[in-house]
């Protein structure tokens, strides 16, 4: 079996999980399974019966009922432990997969000569809070990276778990797990990359991802990074990866933290985030701009323009959001 799709559902928002399951039913290849973890024991009998009916109807569906609500981290770890596929793909309920998702990833996996590619990244369309037809990437499309040589992947990877296929045996053999009580996406991804040999960057758009205001504190997006840096220090690879990891940290601080909050249209929250970044990172950003070789490549031009004049950028944004 090629892919185990893992979905954690609470069944609280217009039964969005059915939209995701329907997109999986429409796959052009049946070389997959779905591990659906119901994290809401209090759902109505009708909703639970509907899930049970899906389980009976679909032989590729594994249904798990939690006896009490757990965290997403717990559910993702449980899904990995149950997975029979070569790859695990984590899917948010409500997201829609392209009908050729399984078939496309299968073609990539068949290109590997010795063993399965450790991580396969694909592109996604974003809708909801804002719309992007295809998530941009400065990495070479349809290209297999050797991570022992191509360290730029660590700088430019899309820091989310939701557009990746992770080799299941790597996760299990290296005991890579989501951490409880810590925002998990970038932290998990960079743990995987540190223990991977290969990374394939697909140019195909395989997923429509609905972006909404997160239920967690958006400050958790940046609070993951001290954990990531400490993990790399413990593994003894921080010094050799410092330029790439530092670039990733500050780019994500700019794009996935400030950029996301700005889209909320909440001036008070955005002002708070700007002051947080200014007070916490100002001196470090000045040093980063002067010395980081990845930054000097200027592959994210808007990011470079704003951070080269960091103090001016912060002052201008604060003035706009008085």
Protein backbone atom coordinates (compact mmCIF):
# COMPACT_ATOMS: atom_id res chain seq x y z
CA UNK A 1 0.00 0.00 0.00
CA UNK A 2 1.34 3.41 -0.94
CA UNK A 3 -0.37 6.05 1.24
CA UNK A 4 -2.06 6.19 4.62
CA UNK A 5 -4.13 9.38 4.83
CA UNK A 6 -4.58 10.36 8.49
CA UNK A 7 -7.51 12.62 9.41
CA UNK A 8 -8.42 13.86 12.89
CA UNK A 9 -12.05 14.95 13.06
CA UNK A 10 -14.23 16.66 15.66
CA UNK A 11 -17.35 16.65 13.46
CA UNK A 12 -18.16 20.15 14.71
CA UNK A 13 -18.12 22.26 11.57
CA UNK A 14 -20.77 21.40 9.01
CA UNK A 15 -19.50 17.85 8.65
CA UNK A 16 -16.52 19.07 6.66
CA UNK A 17 -14.84 15.68 6.91
CA UNK A 18 -17.33 14.27 4.40
CA UNK A 19 -16.01 16.71 1.79
CA UNK A 20 -12.49 15.39 2.40
CA UNK A 21 -13.57 11.74 2.30
CA UNK A 22 -15.48 12.33 -0.94
CA UNK A 23 -12.32 13.69 -2.57
CA UNK A 24 -10.47 10.55 -1.47
CA UNK A 25 -13.21 8.34 -2.92
CA UNK A 26 -12.56 10.01 -6.28
CA UNK A 27 -8.86 9.06 -6.46
CA UNK A 28 -7.71 7.61 -9.78
CA UNK A 29 -5.59 5.07 -7.87
CA UNK A 30 -6.89 2.97 -4.97
CA UNK A 31 -3.42 2.34 -3.54
CA UNK A 32 -4.26 3.99 -0.21
CA UNK A 33 -6.10 3.74 3.09
CA UNK A 34 -7.79 6.37 5.25
CA UNK A 35 -7.29 6.42 9.02
CA UNK A 36 -10.11 8.55 10.41
CA UNK A 37 -9.83 9.40 14.11
CA UNK A 38 -13.04 10.66 15.70
CA UNK A 39 -11.91 12.99 18.50
CA UNK A 40 -15.40 13.97 19.62
CA UNK A 41 -17.10 11.27 21.72
CA UNK A 42 -20.10 13.57 22.28
CA UNK A 43 -21.22 13.71 18.64
CA UNK A 44 -24.83 12.81 18.04
CA UNK A 45 -25.94 9.25 17.35
CA UNK A 46 -26.86 10.24 13.80
CA UNK A 47 -23.38 11.65 13.14
CA UNK A 48 -21.71 8.61 14.65
CA UNK A 49 -23.93 6.26 12.63
CA UNK A 50 -22.94 8.19 9.50
CA UNK A 51 -19.26 7.55 10.25
CA UNK A 52 -20.02 3.90 10.93
CA UNK A 53 -21.83 3.62 7.60
CA UNK A 54 -18.79 5.05 5.83
CA UNK A 55 -16.61 2.47 7.58
CA UNK A 56 -18.85 -0.42 6.52
CA UNK A 57 -19.07 0.88 2.95
CA UNK A 58 -15.36 1.59 2.42
CA UNK A 59 -12.88 -1.22 2.97
CA UNK A 60 -9.99 1.27 2.81
CA UNK A 61 -11.32 3.22 5.80
CA UNK A 62 -10.03 2.61 9.33
CA UNK A 63 -12.26 4.30 11.93
CA UNK A 64 -10.96 5.05 15.43
CA UNK A 65 -13.25 6.40 18.18
CA UNK A 66 -11.48 8.17 21.03
CA UNK A 67 -13.16 7.54 24.38
CA UNK A 68 -12.29 11.11 25.38
CA UNK A 69 -11.06 14.13 23.43
CA UNK A 70 -7.32 14.11 22.70
CA UNK A 71 -4.98 16.60 21.09
CA UNK A 72 -4.20 16.64 17.38
CA UNK A 73 -0.66 15.61 18.34
CA UNK A 74 -2.01 12.47 20.03
CA UNK A 75 -4.23 11.65 17.05
CA UNK A 76 -1.46 12.12 14.46
CA UNK A 77 0.86 9.85 16.49
CA UNK A 78 -1.89 7.26 16.75
CA UNK A 79 -2.47 7.44 13.00
CA UNK A 80 1.22 6.81 12.29
CA UNK A 81 1.23 3.78 14.59
CA UNK A 82 -1.70 2.31 12.65
CA UNK A 83 -0.48 3.22 9.16
CA UNK A 84 0.21 0.43 6.66
CA UNK A 85 1.19 2.67 3.77
CA UNK A 86 4.72 3.46 2.61
CA UNK A 87 3.84 7.11 3.20
CA UNK A 88 1.71 9.01 5.70
CA UNK A 89 -0.15 12.14 4.57
CA UNK A 90 -1.83 14.26 7.27
CA UNK A 91 -5.05 15.86 6.04
CA UNK A 92 -7.17 18.53 7.74
CA UNK A 93 -10.88 17.82 7.68
CA UNK A 94 -12.46 20.01 5.03
CA UNK A 95 -9.46 19.93 2.71
CA UNK A 96 -10.00 18.54 -0.78
CA UNK A 97 -7.44 16.37 -2.54
CA UNK A 98 -6.95 16.39 -6.27
CA UNK A 99 -8.24 13.11 -7.83
CA UNK A 100 -4.72 12.33 -9.06
CA UNK A 101 -3.00 12.79 -5.68
CA UNK A 102 -2.27 9.12 -5.05
CA UNK A 103 -1.34 8.44 -8.67
CA UNK A 104 1.03 11.43 -8.79
CA UNK A 105 2.83 10.50 -5.56
CA UNK A 106 3.07 6.93 -6.82
CA UNK A 107 4.94 8.12 -9.92
CA UNK A 108 7.41 10.00 -7.71
CA UNK A 109 7.97 6.98 -5.48
CA UNK A 110 8.70 4.82 -8.52
CA UNK A 111 11.55 7.14 -9.52
CA UNK A 112 13.51 6.22 -6.39
CA UNK A 113 16.23 3.69 -7.12
CA UNK A 114 17.34 2.37 -3.72
CA UNK A 115 14.61 3.21 -1.23
CA UNK A 116 11.54 5.37 -0.93
CA UNK A 117 12.01 9.13 -0.90
CA UNK A 118 11.85 10.31 2.72
CA UNK A 119 9.70 13.43 2.18
CA UNK A 120 7.61 14.41 -0.84
CA UNK A 121 6.34 17.99 -0.90
CA UNK A 122 3.52 19.00 -3.25
CA UNK A 123 1.87 22.34 -3.91
CA UNK A 124 -1.55 23.43 -2.67
CA UNK A 125 -4.27 25.93 -3.45
CA UNK A 126 -5.33 28.12 -0.51
CA UNK A 127 -8.90 29.36 -0.05
CA UNK A 128 -10.90 30.88 2.79
CA UNK A 129 -9.19 33.63 4.79
CA UNK A 130 -7.21 34.46 1.67
CA UNK A 131 -6.74 32.83 -1.73
CA UNK A 132 -3.59 31.64 -3.47
CA UNK A 133 -3.91 29.56 -6.63
CA UNK A 134 -0.62 27.74 -6.00
CA UNK A 135 1.72 28.04 -3.04
CA UNK A 136 4.95 29.57 -4.35
CA UNK A 137 8.26 27.76 -3.89
CA UNK A 138 11.79 28.79 -4.75
CA UNK A 139 12.87 25.15 -4.75
CA UNK A 140 13.26 23.43 -8.13
CA UNK A 141 10.02 21.78 -9.17
CA UNK A 142 9.90 18.03 -9.85
CA UNK A 143 13.37 17.58 -8.46
CA UNK A 144 14.88 15.06 -6.03
CA UNK A 145 17.15 16.71 -3.46
CA UNK A 146 19.94 14.88 -1.65
CA UNK A 147 19.74 16.46 1.81
CA UNK A 148 23.37 15.70 2.62
CA UNK A 149 24.34 18.11 -0.17
CA UNK A 150 21.30 20.28 -0.87
CA UNK A 151 20.88 22.04 2.45
CA UNK A 152 18.91 24.89 0.88
CA UNK A 153 15.83 22.71 1.37
CA UNK A 154 16.00 23.49 5.10
CA UNK A 155 15.82 27.21 4.32
CA UNK A 156 13.12 27.16 1.65
CA UNK A 157 10.83 24.26 2.57
CA UNK A 158 7.15 25.17 3.10
CA UNK A 159 6.97 24.89 6.90
CA UNK A 160 3.72 22.95 7.14
CA UNK A 161 2.85 19.27 7.42
CA UNK A 162 -0.28 19.48 5.27
CA UNK A 163 1.35 19.32 1.83
CA UNK A 164 3.81 16.51 2.54
CA UNK A 165 4.04 12.75 2.26
CA UNK A 166 6.31 11.34 4.98
CA UNK A 167 7.94 7.90 4.73
CA UNK A 168 6.20 5.86 7.41
CA UNK A 169 9.15 3.64 8.34
CA UNK A 170 11.31 6.74 8.91
CA UNK A 171 8.80 8.13 11.39
CA UNK A 172 8.54 4.80 13.22
CA UNK A 173 12.20 3.73 13.16
CA UNK A 174 13.47 7.13 14.30
CA UNK A 175 10.62 7.56 16.77
CA UNK A 176 9.62 10.91 15.32
CA UNK A 177 6.47 12.04 17.07
CA UNK A 178 4.34 15.12 17.51
CA UNK A 179 5.02 16.79 20.84
CA UNK A 180 2.06 17.38 23.18
CA UNK A 181 1.36 20.93 24.38
CA UNK A 182 3.60 22.42 21.66
CA UNK A 183 2.40 23.72 18.28
CA UNK A 184 3.47 20.85 16.07
CA UNK A 185 3.74 21.54 12.33
CA UNK A 186 7.16 23.16 11.79
CA UNK A 187 8.60 21.39 14.84
CA UNK A 188 7.62 17.98 13.46
CA UNK A 189 8.73 18.83 9.92
CA UNK A 190 12.21 19.95 10.92
CA UNK A 191 12.65 16.87 13.10
CA UNK A 192 11.83 14.75 10.05
CA UNK A 193 14.17 16.69 7.75
CA UNK A 194 17.07 16.33 10.20
CA UNK A 195 16.75 12.56 9.94
CA UNK A 196 16.01 12.34 6.21
CA UNK A 197 18.29 11.62 3.26
CA UNK A 198 16.05 12.71 0.41
CA UNK A 199 13.36 15.30 -0.39
CA UNK A 200 11.30 15.53 -3.57
CA UNK A 201 9.70 18.85 -4.51
CA UNK A 202 6.66 18.22 -6.69
CA UNK A 203 5.43 21.04 -8.90
CA UNK A 204 1.88 19.64 -9.06
CA UNK A 205 -0.98 21.19 -7.10
CA UNK A 206 -2.56 18.25 -5.24
CA UNK A 207 -4.60 19.85 -2.46
CA UNK A 208 -7.09 22.63 -1.79
CA UNK A 209 -6.46 23.81 1.76
CA UNK A 210 -9.02 25.97 3.58
CA UNK A 211 -7.29 28.70 5.61
CA UNK A 212 -9.17 30.00 8.63
CA UNK A 213 -8.36 31.91 11.79
CA UNK A 214 -6.63 29.25 13.92
CA UNK A 215 -8.19 27.93 17.11
CA UNK A 216 -4.77 27.93 18.79
CA UNK A 217 -2.75 31.01 19.73
CA UNK A 218 -1.17 32.34 16.56
CA UNK A 219 1.92 33.18 18.64
CA UNK A 220 2.56 29.41 18.73
CA UNK A 221 3.70 29.73 15.10
CA UNK A 222 6.86 31.50 16.21
CA UNK A 223 7.15 29.85 19.62
CA UNK A 224 8.05 26.56 17.90
CA UNK A 225 11.39 27.89 16.75
CA UNK A 226 13.32 27.77 20.06
CA UNK A 227 12.37 24.07 20.21
CA UNK A 228 13.56 23.50 16.63
CA UNK A 229 16.90 25.23 17.27
CA UNK A 230 17.43 23.34 20.52
CA UNK A 231 16.64 20.03 18.80
CA UNK A 232 19.30 20.74 16.18
CA UNK A 233 21.81 21.63 18.89
CA UNK A 234 21.08 18.37 20.72
CA UNK A 235 21.55 16.43 17.50
CA UNK A 236 24.89 18.18 16.90
CA UNK A 237 23.91 19.58 13.49
CA UNK A 238 23.10 23.19 14.36
CA UNK A 239 26.52 24.58 13.44
CA UNK A 240 26.46 23.05 9.95
CA UNK A 241 22.83 24.08 9.40
CA UNK A 242 22.86 27.47 11.13
CA UNK A 243 22.54 29.65 8.03
CA UNK A 244 19.64 27.65 6.58
CA UNK A 245 17.77 27.25 9.87
CA UNK A 246 18.20 30.90 10.82
CA UNK A 247 16.87 31.92 7.42
CA UNK A 248 13.88 29.62 7.83
CA UNK A 249 13.17 31.02 11.28
CA UNK A 250 13.12 34.66 10.19
CA UNK A 251 11.32 34.04 6.92
CA UNK A 252 8.58 32.19 8.77
CA UNK A 253 8.47 34.93 11.39
CA UNK A 254 7.77 37.34 8.53
CA UNK A 255 5.53 35.29 6.23
CA UNK A 256 3.75 32.76 8.45
CA UNK A 257 3.49 34.84 11.62
CA UNK A 258 3.23 38.54 10.77
CA UNK A 259 1.83 37.79 7.32
CA UNK A 260 -0.89 35.52 8.71
CA UNK A 261 -1.90 37.88 11.51
CA UNK A 262 -2.10 40.80 9.09
CA UNK A 263 -4.73 38.90 7.12
CA UNK A 264 -6.96 38.65 10.22
CA UNK A 265 -7.81 42.37 9.81
CA UNK A 266 -7.40 42.76 13.58
CA UNK A 267 -5.33 45.92 14.07
CA UNK A 268 -4.84 45.39 17.80
CA UNK A 269 -3.53 41.87 17.37
CA UNK A 270 -1.30 42.85 14.44
CA UNK A 271 0.15 45.76 16.42
CA UNK A 272 0.85 43.39 19.32
CA UNK A 273 2.63 41.00 16.94
CA UNK A 274 4.75 43.79 15.41
CA UNK A 275 5.85 44.99 18.85
CA UNK A 276 6.60 41.39 19.88
CA UNK A 277 8.86 40.88 16.84
CA UNK A 278 10.56 44.25 17.29
CA UNK A 279 11.30 43.73 20.98
CA UNK A 280 12.33 40.09 20.74
CA UNK A 281 14.29 39.96 17.49
CA UNK A 282 15.48 43.45 16.53
CA UNK A 283 19.20 42.96 17.29
CA UNK A 284 19.26 39.44 15.89
CA UNK A 285 17.59 40.52 12.66
CA UNK A 286 20.18 43.25 12.08
CA UNK A 287 22.98 40.66 12.39
CA UNK A 288 21.04 38.20 10.19
CA UNK A 289 20.61 40.75 7.39
CA UNK A 290 24.32 41.59 7.39
CA UNK A 291 25.76 38.08 7.58
CA UNK A 292 23.34 35.39 6.38
CA UNK A 293 24.37 34.06 2.93
CA UNK A 294 20.92 32.60 2.21
CA UNK A 295 19.34 35.99 2.81
CA UNK A 296 21.86 37.57 0.43
CA UNK A 297 20.61 35.29 -2.36
CA UNK A 298 17.35 37.31 -2.17
CA UNK A 299 15.06 34.59 -3.48
CA UNK A 300 12.16 36.06 -1.48
CA UNK A 301 12.43 39.63 -2.72
CA UNK A 302 9.61 41.16 -0.64
CA UNK A 303 11.03 39.60 2.52
CA UNK A 304 14.48 40.96 1.73
CA UNK A 305 13.16 44.43 1.01
CA UNK A 306 11.29 44.66 4.30
CA UNK A 307 13.96 43.10 6.50
CA UNK A 308 16.86 45.08 5.01
CA UNK A 309 15.07 48.11 6.46
CA UNK A 310 13.65 46.30 9.48
CA UNK A 311 13.16 49.29 11.79
CA UNK A 312 11.51 51.29 9.03
CA UNK A 313 9.29 48.33 8.15
CA UNK A 314 8.07 47.95 11.74
CA UNK A 315 7.49 51.71 12.15
CA UNK A 316 5.55 51.90 8.87
CA UNK A 317 3.36 48.93 9.74
CA UNK A 318 2.67 50.28 13.24
CA UNK A 319 1.74 53.67 11.77
CA UNK A 320 -0.69 52.01 9.33
CA UNK A 321 -2.42 50.18 12.19
CA UNK A 322 -2.89 52.97 14.73
